Amino acid sequence: MKDRRFIKTEQAIRETFLNLLKEKSLNKITVSQISISANLGRGTFYLHYKDIYDLYNTIENEIYTELGELFEKSNPYANETNLMDLINNIIDYISEHSNIFEIFIRLEFKENLLFKLKNYFFDKILHESIVLSRPINNNIDYDVVEANFIVSGVVGVIEHWLNNGMIIPKEDISIMLQKILNKF
């Protein structure tokens, strides 16, 4: 178990990093800038992370892990209610972590967070339908196209929602996505 000082320092590093990402691109941020802004030594940064990219990847991987846990807990293949719970949980999670998502979706990397999330959920949906021997439509080619369409659509709606300042209430976004997905 990490002690409180370690956790507080890690939080300061992350908050500073995220604030800097609002102003400049990832490849323009230095360990020195984070250290100065967070009021800690460079060596302290290196006790937590190897470099800036390790910090970025750590945050990103935590997002995948937490979203993956939501997926596993919801078991969206059990019934329609579970799928709707998954959508609500994902929207709630994104809303709670909107500061990170708003920053990460604006990064100039080709393989940004949303691209990776699309691939992650696409693989999950296909894997689950194949492993459970319940192809979505008894045709693997069709299943691939349909899963890709659904995941791209949901992630696209979420991206649009984030890019437009989340002005539509999260409950309304969830309901809209549920109505659309009920048509499949």
Foldseek 3Di string as FASTA:
>chain_A
DDDPVLVVLLVLLLVLLLVVLVPDALVVDFLVSSCVSSVHDSVSVVVPAVTSVRNVVVVLVVVVVVLVVLCVVLVCVVDLVSVLSSLLVVLVVCVVVLSVVLSQVPHPDPCTSLVVQLVVQLCVVLVVCVVVVNQVVPDSVVSSVVSSVLSCVLSVLVVVCSVVPVPPPSVVNSVVSSVVVVVD
